[in-house]
Amino acid sequence: WFEENGKWYYGQTNGVLQTSWLKDGQDWYYFK
């Protein structure tokens, strides 16, 4: 997880920016 200009993003372990659904812990998130 990282924040840039007020928006949150998620970099996968290889650094590629996450898009679509992500399960982190018990919660699901969606990345445009």
PDB file of all heavy atoms in Angstrom:
ATOM      1  N   TRP A   1       0.830  -1.209   0.000  1.00  0.00           N
ATOM      2  CA  TRP A   1       0.000   0.000   0.000  1.00  0.00           C
ATOM      3  C   TRP A   1       0.864   1.259   0.000  1.00  0.00           C
ATOM      4  O   TRP A   1       1.869   1.327   0.695  1.00  0.00           O
ATOM      5  CB  TRP A   1      -0.886   0.031   1.240  1.00  0.00           C
ATOM      6  CG  TRP A   1      -2.000  -0.969   1.229  1.00  0.00           C
ATOM      7  CD1 TRP A   1      -2.017  -2.195   1.820  1.00  0.00           C
ATOM      8  CD2 TRP A   1      -3.270  -0.824   0.585  1.00  0.00           C
ATOM      9  NE1 TRP A   1      -3.200  -2.830   1.600  1.00  0.00           N
ATOM     10  CE2 TRP A   1      -4.002  -2.012   0.842  1.00  0.00           C
ATOM     11  CE3 TRP A   1      -3.863   0.186  -0.170  1.00  0.00           C
ATOM     12  CZ2 TRP A   1      -5.291  -2.212   0.367  1.00  0.00           C
ATOM     13  CZ3 TRP A   1      -5.148  -0.014  -0.644  1.00  0.00           C
ATOM     14  CH2 TRP A   1      -5.848  -1.190  -0.382  1.00  0.00           C
ATOM     15  N   PHE A   2       0.452   2.248  -0.794  1.00  0.00           N
ATOM     16  CA  PHE A   2       1.090   3.563  -0.716  1.00  0.00           C
ATOM     17  C   PHE A   2       0.107   4.630  -1.204  1.00  0.00           C
ATOM     18  O   PHE A   2      -0.815   4.359  -1.970  1.00  0.00           O
ATOM     19  CB  PHE A   2       2.390   3.617  -1.528  1.00  0.00           C
ATOM     20  CG  PHE A   2       2.231   3.478  -3.009  1.00  0.00           C
ATOM     21  CD1 PHE A   2       2.086   4.590  -3.832  1.00  0.00           C
ATOM     22  CD2 PHE A   2       2.232   2.218  -3.603  1.00  0.00           C
ATOM     23  CE1 PHE A   2       1.948   4.458  -5.208  1.00  0.00           C
ATOM     24  CE2 PHE A   2       2.102   2.076  -4.975  1.00  0.00           C
ATOM     25  CZ  PHE A   2       1.952   3.205  -5.776  1.00  0.00           C
ATOM     26  N   GLU A   3       0.292   5.838  -0.693  1.00  0.00           N
ATOM     27  CA  GLU A   3      -0.597   6.962  -1.024  1.00  0.00           C
ATOM     28  C   GLU A   3       0.155   7.971  -1.870  1.00  0.00           C
ATOM     29  O   GLU A   3       1.320   8.281  -1.615  1.00  0.00           O
ATOM     30  CB  GLU A   3      -1.097   7.640   0.254  1.00  0.00           C
ATOM     31  CG  GLU A   3      -2.133   8.732   0.001  1.00  0.00           C
ATOM     32  CD  GLU A   3      -2.620   9.381   1.286  1.00  0.00           C
ATOM     33  OE1 GLU A   3      -1.984   9.146   2.338  1.00  0.00           O
ATOM     34  OE2 GLU A   3      -3.617  10.120   1.238  1.00  0.00           O
ATOM     35  N   GLU A   4      -0.501   8.479  -2.885  1.00  0.00           N
ATOM     36  CA  GLU A   4       0.099   9.477  -3.772  1.00  0.00           C
ATOM     37  C   GLU A   4      -0.989  10.459  -4.187  1.00  0.00           C
ATOM     38  O   GLU A   4      -2.011  10.067  -4.758  1.00  0.00           O
ATOM     39  CB  GLU A   4       0.721   8.796  -4.990  1.00  0.00           C
ATOM     40  CG  GLU A   4       1.310   9.746  -6.012  1.00  0.00           C
ATOM     41  CD  GLU A   4       2.517  10.520  -5.487  1.00  0.00           C
ATOM     42  OE1 GLU A   4       3.110  10.090  -4.473  1.00  0.00           O
ATOM     43  OE2 GLU A   4       2.858  11.547  -6.097  1.00  0.00           O
ATOM     44  N   ASN A   5      -0.770  11.735  -3.863  1.00  0.00           N
ATOM     45  CA  ASN A   5      -1.720  12.795  -4.209  1.00  0.00           C
ATOM     46  C   ASN A   5      -3.133  12.487  -3.742  1.00  0.00           C
ATOM     47  O   ASN A   5      -4.119  12.699  -4.468  1.00  0.00           O
ATOM     48  CB  ASN A   5      -1.714  13.060  -5.719  1.00  0.00           C
ATOM     49  CG  ASN A   5      -0.400  13.644  -6.198  1.00  0.00           C
ATOM     50  OD1 ASN A   5       0.272  14.367  -5.465  1.00  0.00           O
ATOM     51  ND2 ASN A   5      -0.017  13.323  -7.425  1.00  0.00           N
ATOM     52  N   GLY A   6      -3.243  11.972  -2.514  1.00  0.00           N
ATOM     53  CA  GLY A   6      -4.551  11.737  -1.912  1.00  0.00           C
ATOM     54  C   GLY A   6      -5.249  10.466  -2.358  1.00  0.00           C
ATOM     55  O   GLY A   6      -6.373  10.202  -1.934  1.00  0.00           O
ATOM     56  N   LYS A   7      -4.603   9.654  -3.213  1.00  0.00           N
ATOM     57  CA  LYS A   7      -5.199   8.402  -3.669  1.00  0.00           C
ATOM     58  C   LYS A   7      -4.342   7.228  -3.208  1.00  0.00           C
ATOM     59  O   LYS A   7      -3.122   7.353  -3.097  1.00  0.00           O
ATOM     60  CB  LYS A   7      -5.328   8.385  -5.190  1.00  0.00           C
ATOM     61  CG  LYS A   7      -6.295   9.423  -5.741  1.00  0.00           C
ATOM     62  CD  LYS A   7      -6.412   9.312  -7.250  1.00  0.00           C
ATOM     63  CE  LYS A   7      -7.403  10.324  -7.805  1.00  0.00           C
ATOM     64  NZ  LYS A   7      -7.543  10.218  -9.289  1.00  0.00           N
ATOM     65  N   TRP A   8      -5.025   6.111  -2.962  1.00  0.00           N
ATOM     66  CA  TRP A   8      -4.315   4.912  -2.521  1.00  0.00           C
ATOM     67  C   TRP A   8      -4.096   3.949  -3.677  1.00  0.00           C
ATOM     68  O   TRP A   8      -4.961   3.780  -4.544  1.00  0.00           O
ATOM     69  CB  TRP A   8      -5.090   4.218  -1.397  1.00  0.00           C
ATOM     70  CG  TRP A   8      -4.916   4.898  -0.080  1.00  0.00           C
ATOM     71  CD1 TRP A   8      -5.730   5.840   0.480  1.00  0.00           C
ATOM     72  CD2 TRP A   8      -3.828   4.723   0.824  1.00  0.00           C
ATOM     73  NE1 TRP A   8      -5.229   6.259   1.682  1.00  0.00           N
ATOM     74  CE2 TRP A   8      -4.056   5.588   1.928  1.00  0.00           C
ATOM     75  CE3 TRP A   8      -2.683   3.925   0.830  1.00  0.00           C
ATOM     76  CZ2 TRP A   8      -3.179   5.661   3.004  1.00  0.00           C
ATOM     77  CZ3 TRP A   8      -1.813   3.996   1.900  1.00  0.00           C
ATOM     78  CH2 TRP A   8      -2.067   4.857   2.973  1.00  0.00           C
ATOM     79  N   TYR A   9      -2.924   3.316  -3.647  1.00  0.00           N
ATOM     80  CA  TYR A   9      -2.531   2.363  -4.673  1.00  0.00           C
ATOM     81  C   TYR A   9      -1.926   1.142  -3.984  1.00  0.00           C
ATOM     82  O   TYR A   9      -1.577   1.190  -2.800  1.00  0.00           O
ATOM     83  CB  TYR A   9      -1.492   2.967  -5.617  1.00  0.00           C
ATOM     84  CG  TYR A   9      -1.957   4.216  -6.325  1.00  0.00           C
ATOM     85  CD1 TYR A   9      -1.857   5.465  -5.709  1.00  0.00           C
ATOM     86  CD2 TYR A   9      -2.492   4.159  -7.609  1.00  0.00           C
ATOM     87  CE1 TYR A   9      -2.288   6.618  -6.359  1.00  0.00           C
ATOM     88  CE2 TYR A   9      -2.917   5.306  -8.263  1.00  0.00           C
ATOM     89  CZ  TYR A   9      -2.814   6.528  -7.630  1.00  0.00           C
ATOM     90  OH  TYR A   9      -3.244   7.658  -8.274  1.00  0.00           O
ATOM     91  N   TYR A  10      -1.783   0.089  -4.773  1.00  0.00           N
ATOM     92  CA  TYR A  10      -1.175  -1.125  -4.227  1.00  0.00           C
ATOM     93  C   TYR A  10      -0.212  -1.706  -5.251  1.00  0.00           C
ATOM     94  O   TYR A  10      -0.604  -2.026  -6.382  1.00  0.00           O
ATOM     95  CB  TYR A  10      -2.247  -2.162  -3.866  1.00  0.00           C
ATOM     96  CG  TYR A  10      -1.707  -3.363  -3.116  1.00  0.00           C
ATOM     97  CD1 TYR A  10      -1.649  -3.356  -1.725  1.00  0.00           C
ATOM     98  CD2 TYR A  10      -1.245  -4.494  -3.782  1.00  0.00           C
ATOM     99  CE1 TYR A  10      -1.156  -4.437  -1.010  1.00  0.00           C
ATOM    100  CE2 TYR A  10      -0.743  -5.583  -3.089  1.00  0.00           C
ATOM    101  CZ  TYR A  10      -0.702  -5.542  -1.698  1.00  0.00           C
ATOM    102  OH  TYR A  10      -0.200  -6.612  -1.006  1.00  0.00           O
ATOM    103  N   GLY A  11       1.056  -1.819  -4.859  1.00  0.00           N
ATOM    104  CA  GLY A  11       2.059  -2.433  -5.721  1.00  0.00           C
ATOM    105  C   GLY A  11       2.207  -3.901  -5.379  1.00  0.00           C
ATOM    106  O   GLY A  11       2.412  -4.247  -4.212  1.00  0.00           O
ATOM    107  N   GLN A  12       2.069  -4.769  -6.387  1.00  0.00           N
ATOM    108  CA  GLN A  12       2.238  -6.195  -6.151  1.00  0.00           C
ATOM    109  C   GLN A  12       3.682  -6.474  -5.754  1.00  0.00           C
ATOM    110  O   GLN A  12       4.537  -5.595  -5.790  1.00  0.00           O
ATOM    111  CB  GLN A  12       1.853  -6.971  -7.413  1.00  0.00           C
ATOM    112  CG  GLN A  12       0.408  -6.749  -7.857  1.00  0.00           C
ATOM    113  CD  GLN A  12       0.103  -7.422  -9.176  1.00  0.00           C
ATOM    114  OE1 GLN A  12       0.538  -8.536  -9.448  1.00  0.00           O
ATOM    115  NE2 GLN A  12      -0.666  -6.744 -10.019  1.00  0.00           N
ATOM    116  N   THR A  13       3.966  -7.727  -5.387  1.00  0.00           N
ATOM    117  CA  THR A  13       5.319  -8.062  -4.918  1.00  0.00           C
ATOM    118  C   THR A  13       6.378  -7.777  -5.983  1.00  0.00           C
ATOM    119  O   THR A  13       7.525  -7.493  -5.655  1.00  0.00           O
ATOM    120  CB  THR A  13       5.400  -9.540  -4.502  1.00  0.00           C
ATOM    121  OG1 THR A  13       4.927 -10.364  -5.578  1.00  0.00           O
ATOM    122  CG2 THR A  13       4.547  -9.797  -3.259  1.00  0.00           C
ATOM    123  N   ASN A  14       5.971  -7.833  -7.265  1.00  0.00           N
ATOM    124  CA  ASN A  14       6.915  -7.510  -8.343  1.00  0.00           C
ATOM    125  C   ASN A  14       6.853  -6.041  -8.733  1.00  0.00           C
ATOM    126  O   ASN A  14       7.490  -5.620  -9.699  1.00  0.00           O
ATOM    127  CB  ASN A  14       6.651  -8.386  -9.568  1.00  0.00           C
ATOM    128  CG  ASN A  14       5.261  -8.168 -10.157  1.00  0.00           C
ATOM    129  OD1 ASN A  14       4.485  -7.369  -9.655  1.00  0.00           O
ATOM    130  ND2 ASN A  14       4.954  -8.892 -11.212  1.00  0.00           N
ATOM    131  N   GLY A  15       6.075  -5.252  -7.972  1.00  0.00           N
ATOM    132  CA  GLY A  15       6.001  -3.820  -8.195  1.00  0.00           C
ATOM    133  C   GLY A  15       4.944  -3.384  -9.176  1.00  0.00           C
ATOM    134  O   GLY A  15       4.633  -2.189  -9.260  1.00  0.00           O
ATOM    135  N   VAL A  16       4.382  -4.332  -9.956  1.00  0.00           N
ATOM    136  CA  VAL A  16       3.347  -3.955 -10.923  1.00  0.00           C
ATOM    137  C   VAL A  16       2.129  -3.439 -10.173  1.00  0.00           C
ATOM    138  O   VAL A  16       1.683  -4.029  -9.192  1.00  0.00           O
ATOM    139  CB  VAL A  16       2.956  -5.153 -11.808  1.00  0.00           C
ATOM    140  CG1 VAL A  16       1.803  -4.787 -12.730  1.00  0.00           C
ATOM    141  CG2 VAL A  16       4.150  -5.619 -12.616  1.00  0.00           C
ATOM    142  N   LEU A  17       1.590  -2.325 -10.644  1.00  0.00           N
ATOM    143  CA  LEU A  17       0.458  -1.702  -9.981  1.00  0.00           C
ATOM    144  C   LEU A  17      -0.767  -2.602 -10.067  1.00  0.00           C
ATOM    145  O   LEU A  17      -1.107  -3.112 -11.137  1.00  0.00           O
ATOM    146  CB  LEU A  17       0.164  -0.352 -10.641  1.00  0.00           C
ATOM    147  CG  LEU A  17      -0.474   0.716  -9.754  1.00  0.00           C
ATOM    148  CD1 LEU A  17       0.407   1.040  -8.567  1.00  0.00           C
ATOM    149  CD2 LEU A  17      -0.734   1.967 -10.573  1.00  0.00           C
ATOM    150  N   GLN A  18      -1.429  -2.817  -8.931  1.00  0.00           N
ATOM    151  CA  GLN A  18      -2.611  -3.665  -8.876  1.00  0.00           C
ATOM    152  C   GLN A  18      -3.787  -2.992  -9.583  1.00  0.00           C
ATOM    153  O   GLN A  18      -4.032  -1.803  -9.420  1.00  0.00           O
ATOM    154  CB  GLN A  18      -2.993  -3.934  -7.413  1.00  0.00           C
ATOM    155  CG  GLN A  18      -4.262  -4.729  -7.228  1.00  0.00           C
ATOM    156  CD  GLN A  18      -4.085  -6.184  -7.622  1.00  0.00           C
ATOM    157  OE1 GLN A  18      -3.015  -6.746  -7.484  1.00  0.00           O
ATOM    158  NE2 GLN A  18      -5.157  -6.804  -8.094  1.00  0.00           N
ATOM    159  N   THR A  19      -4.493  -3.761 -10.378  1.00  0.00           N
ATOM    160  CA  THR A  19      -5.785  -3.346 -10.919  1.00  0.00           C
ATOM    161  C   THR A  19      -6.768  -4.479 -10.650  1.00  0.00           C
ATOM    162  O   THR A  19      -6.361  -5.595 -10.337  1.00  0.00           O
ATOM    163  CB  THR A  19      -5.714  -3.062 -12.436  1.00  0.00           C
ATOM    164  OG1 THR A  19      -5.241  -4.233 -13.116  1.00  0.00           O
ATOM    165  CG2 THR A  19      -4.782  -1.891 -12.729  1.00  0.00           C
ATOM    166  N   SER A  20      -8.059  -4.194 -10.731  1.00  0.00           N
ATOM    167  CA  SER A  20      -9.101  -5.167 -10.459  1.00  0.00           C
ATOM    168  C   SER A  20      -9.157  -5.467  -8.949  1.00  0.00           C
ATOM    169  O   SER A  20      -8.713  -4.675  -8.129  1.00  0.00           O
ATOM    170  CB  SER A  20      -8.890  -6.434 -11.291  1.00  0.00           C
ATOM    171  OG  SER A  20     -10.000  -7.293 -11.179  1.00  0.00           O
ATOM    172  N   TRP A  21      -9.676  -6.632  -8.596  1.00  0.00           N
ATOM    173  CA  TRP A  21      -9.923  -6.955  -7.189  1.00  0.00           C
ATOM    174  C   TRP A  21      -8.657  -7.421  -6.473  1.00  0.00           C
ATOM    175  O   TRP A  21      -7.807  -8.082  -7.051  1.00  0.00           O
ATOM    176  CB  TRP A  21     -10.975  -8.052  -7.080  1.00  0.00           C
ATOM    177  CG  TRP A  21     -12.361  -7.589  -7.420  1.00  0.00           C
ATOM    178  CD1 TRP A  21     -13.018  -7.760  -8.593  1.00  0.00           C
ATOM    179  CD2 TRP A  21     -13.243  -6.858  -6.564  1.00  0.00           C
ATOM    180  NE1 TRP A  21     -14.267  -7.181  -8.535  1.00  0.00           N
ATOM    181  CE2 TRP A  21     -14.433  -6.620  -7.297  1.00  0.00           C
ATOM    182  CE3 TRP A  21     -13.144  -6.373  -5.257  1.00  0.00           C
ATOM    183  CZ2 TRP A  21     -15.502  -5.924  -6.762  1.00  0.00           C
ATOM    184  CZ3 TRP A  21     -14.222  -5.679  -4.720  1.00  0.00           C
ATOM    185  CH2 TRP A  21     -15.388  -5.466  -5.460  1.00  0.00           C
ATOM    186  N   LEU A  22      -8.578  -7.077  -5.188  1.00  0.00           N
ATOM    187  CA  LEU A  22      -7.475  -7.512  -4.326  1.00  0.00           C
ATOM    188  C   LEU A  22      -8.040  -7.874  -2.964  1.00  0.00           C
ATOM    189  O   LEU A  22      -8.816  -7.110  -2.379  1.00  0.00           O
ATOM    190  CB  LEU A  22      -6.444  -6.399  -4.162  1.00  0.00           C
ATOM    191  CG  LEU A  22      -5.385  -6.632  -3.068  1.00  0.00           C
ATOM    192  CD1 LEU A  22      -4.384  -7.692  -3.528  1.00  0.00           C
ATOM    193  CD2 LEU A  22      -4.677  -5.343  -2.696  1.00  0.00           C
ATOM    194  N   LYS A  23      -7.664  -9.039  -2.462  1.00  0.00           N
ATOM    195  CA  LYS A  23      -8.025  -9.408  -1.098  1.00  0.00           C
ATOM    196  C   LYS A  23      -6.819  -9.195  -0.207  1.00  0.00           C
ATOM    197  O   LYS A  23      -5.760  -9.794  -0.404  1.00  0.00           O
ATOM    198  CB  LYS A  23      -8.476 -10.866  -1.014  1.00  0.00           C
ATOM    199  CG  LYS A  23      -9.051 -11.206   0.363  1.00  0.00           C
ATOM    200  CD  LYS A  23      -9.609 -12.618   0.408  1.00  0.00           C
ATOM    201  CE  LYS A  23     -10.289 -12.869   1.762  1.00  0.00           C
ATOM    202  NZ  LYS A  23     -10.800 -14.252   1.877  1.00  0.00           N
ATOM    203  N   ASP A  24      -6.972  -8.330   0.797  1.00  0.00           N
ATOM    204  CA  ASP A  24      -5.901  -8.039   1.741  1.00  0.00           C
ATOM    205  C   ASP A  24      -6.428  -8.344   3.138  1.00  0.00           C
ATOM    206  O   ASP A  24      -7.319  -7.648   3.632  1.00  0.00           O
ATOM    207  CB  ASP A  24      -5.474  -6.573   1.626  1.00  0.00           C
ATOM    208  CG  ASP A  24      -4.258  -6.262   2.480  1.00  0.00           C
ATOM    209  OD1 ASP A  24      -3.431  -7.163   2.685  1.00  0.00           O
ATOM    210  OD2 ASP A  24      -4.154  -5.116   2.969  1.00  0.00           O
ATOM    211  N   GLY A  25      -5.891  -9.388   3.759  1.00  0.00           N
ATOM    212  CA  GLY A  25      -6.463  -9.830   5.030  1.00  0.00           C
ATOM    213  C   GLY A  25      -7.834 -10.434   4.775  1.00  0.00           C
ATOM    214  O   GLY A  25      -8.011 -11.319   3.953  1.00  0.00           O
ATOM    215  N   GLN A  26      -8.846  -9.915   5.450  1.00  0.00           N
ATOM    216  CA  GLN A  26     -10.214 -10.387   5.269  1.00  0.00           C
ATOM    217  C   GLN A  26     -11.039  -9.471   4.382  1.00  0.00           C
ATOM    218  O   GLN A  26     -12.225  -9.724   4.150  1.00  0.00           O
ATOM    219  CB  GLN A  26     -10.902 -10.512   6.648  1.00  0.00           C
ATOM    220  CG  GLN A  26     -10.262 -11.539   7.571  1.00  0.00           C
ATOM    221  CD  GLN A  26     -10.268 -12.926   6.952  1.00  0.00           C
ATOM    222  OE1 GLN A  26     -11.305 -13.412   6.483  1.00  0.00           O
ATOM    223  NE2 GLN A  26      -9.112 -13.592   6.962  1.00  0.00           N
ATOM    224  N   ASP A  27     -10.450  -8.429   3.877  1.00  0.00           N
ATOM    225  CA  ASP A  27     -11.199  -7.420   3.122  1.00  0.00           C
ATOM    226  C   ASP A  27     -10.846  -7.447   1.640  1.00  0.00           C
ATOM    227  O   ASP A  27      -9.703  -7.716   1.251  1.00  0.00           O
ATOM    228  CB  ASP A  27     -10.915  -6.018   3.680  1.00  0.00           C
ATOM    229  CG  ASP A  27     -11.426  -5.850   5.099  1.00  0.00           C
ATOM    230  OD1 ASP A  27     -12.538  -6.339   5.391  1.00  0.00           O
ATOM    231  OD2 ASP A  27     -10.705  -5.247   5.920  1.00  0.00           O
ATOM    232  N   TRP A  28     -11.857  -7.113   0.821  1.00  0.00           N
ATOM    233  CA  TRP A  28     -11.688  -6.992  -0.623  1.00  0.00           C
ATOM    234  C   TRP A  28     -11.669  -5.526  -1.022  1.00  0.00           C
ATOM    235  O   TRP A  28     -12.433  -4.716  -0.503  1.00  0.00           O
ATOM    236  CB  TRP A  28     -12.836  -7.696  -1.356  1.00  0.00           C
ATOM    237  CG  TRP A  28     -12.747  -9.188  -1.351  1.00  0.00           C
ATOM    238  CD1 TRP A  28     -13.300 -10.043  -0.443  1.00  0.00           C
ATOM    239  CD2 TRP A  28     -12.069 -10.005  -2.304  1.00  0.00           C
ATOM    240  NE1 TRP A  28     -13.008 -11.342  -0.758  1.00  0.00           N
ATOM    241  CE2 TRP A  28     -12.257 -11.350  -1.906  1.00  0.00           C
ATOM    242  CE3 TRP A  28     -11.329  -9.732  -3.451  1.00  0.00           C
ATOM    243  CZ2 TRP A  28     -11.728 -12.421  -2.614  1.00  0.00           C
ATOM    244  CZ3 TRP A  28     -10.806 -10.797  -4.170  1.00  0.00           C
ATOM    245  CH2 TRP A  28     -11.006 -12.122  -3.747  1.00  0.00           C
ATOM    246  N   TYR A  29     -10.791  -5.194  -1.964  1.00  0.00           N
ATOM    247  CA  TYR A  29     -10.671  -3.838  -2.495  1.00  0.00           C
ATOM    248  C   TYR A  29     -10.693  -3.919  -4.021  1.00  0.00           C
ATOM    249  O   TYR A  29     -10.356  -4.947  -4.601  1.00  0.00           O
ATOM    250  CB  TYR A  29      -9.363  -3.181  -2.045  1.00  0.00           C
ATOM    251  CG  TYR A  29      -9.199  -3.086  -0.543  1.00  0.00           C
ATOM    252  CD1 TYR A  29      -8.714  -4.174   0.192  1.00  0.00           C
ATOM    253  CD2 TYR A  29      -9.508  -1.914   0.145  1.00  0.00           C
ATOM    254  CE1 TYR A  29      -8.562  -4.099   1.571  1.00  0.00           C
ATOM    255  CE2 TYR A  29      -9.358  -1.831   1.523  1.00  0.00           C
ATOM    256  CZ  TYR A  29      -8.884  -2.925   2.225  1.00  0.00           C
ATOM    257  OH  TYR A  29      -8.733  -2.840   3.581  1.00  0.00           O
ATOM    258  N   TYR A  30     -11.056  -2.801  -4.640  1.00  0.00           N
ATOM    259  CA  TYR A  30     -11.053  -2.765  -6.101  1.00  0.00           C
ATOM    260  C   TYR A  30     -10.201  -1.585  -6.560  1.00  0.00           C
ATOM    261  O   TYR A  30     -10.348  -0.457  -6.064  1.00  0.00           O
ATOM    262  CB  TYR A  30     -12.465  -2.622  -6.665  1.00  0.00           C
ATOM    263  CG  TYR A  30     -12.495  -2.724  -8.174  1.00  0.00           C
ATOM    264  CD1 TYR A  30     -12.517  -3.959  -8.802  1.00  0.00           C
ATOM    265  CD2 TYR A  30     -12.452  -1.583  -8.970  1.00  0.00           C
ATOM    266  CE1 TYR A  30     -12.505  -4.070 -10.184  1.00  0.00           C
ATOM    267  CE2 TYR A  30     -12.445  -1.678 -10.351  1.00  0.00           C
ATOM    268  CZ  TYR A  30     -12.472  -2.928 -10.955  1.00  0.00           C
ATOM    269  OH  TYR A  30     -12.467  -3.025 -12.315  1.00  0.00           O
ATOM    270  N   PHE A  31      -9.331  -1.866  -7.531  1.00  0.00           N
ATOM    271  CA  PHE A  31      -8.444  -0.842  -8.072  1.00  0.00           C
ATOM    272  C   PHE A  31      -8.782  -0.601  -9.542  1.00  0.00           C
ATOM    273  O   PHE A  31      -8.891  -1.541 -10.331  1.00  0.00           O
ATOM    274  CB  PHE A  31      -6.976  -1.260  -7.918  1.00  0.00           C
ATOM    275  CG  PHE A  31      -6.556  -1.381  -6.483  1.00  0.00           C
ATOM    276  CD1 PHE A  31      -6.778  -2.557  -5.786  1.00  0.00           C
ATOM    277  CD2 PHE A  31      -5.972  -0.312  -5.832  1.00  0.00           C
ATOM    278  CE1 PHE A  31      -6.409  -2.668  -4.453  1.00  0.00           C
ATOM    279  CE2 PHE A  31      -5.600  -0.417  -4.499  1.00  0.00           C
ATOM    280  CZ  PHE A  31      -5.819  -1.591  -3.807  1.00  0.00           C
ATOM    281  N   LYS A  32      -8.959   0.662  -9.885  1.00  0.00           N
ATOM    282  CA  LYS A  32      -9.348   1.042 -11.244  1.00  0.00           C
ATOM    283  C   LYS A  32      -8.191   0.844 -12.219  1.00  0.00           C
ATOM    284  O   LYS A  32      -7.083   0.492 -11.828  1.00  0.00           O
ATOM    285  CB  LYS A  32      -9.842   2.491 -11.231  1.00  0.00           C
ATOM    286  CG  LYS A  32     -11.112   2.684 -10.410  1.00  0.00           C
ATOM    287  CD  LYS A  32     -11.589   4.117 -10.387  1.00  0.00           C
ATOM    288  CE  LYS A  32     -10.805   4.961  -9.408  1.00  0.00           C
ATOM    289  NZ  LYS A  32     -11.389   6.309  -9.219  1.00  0.00           N
TER     290      LYS A  32
END
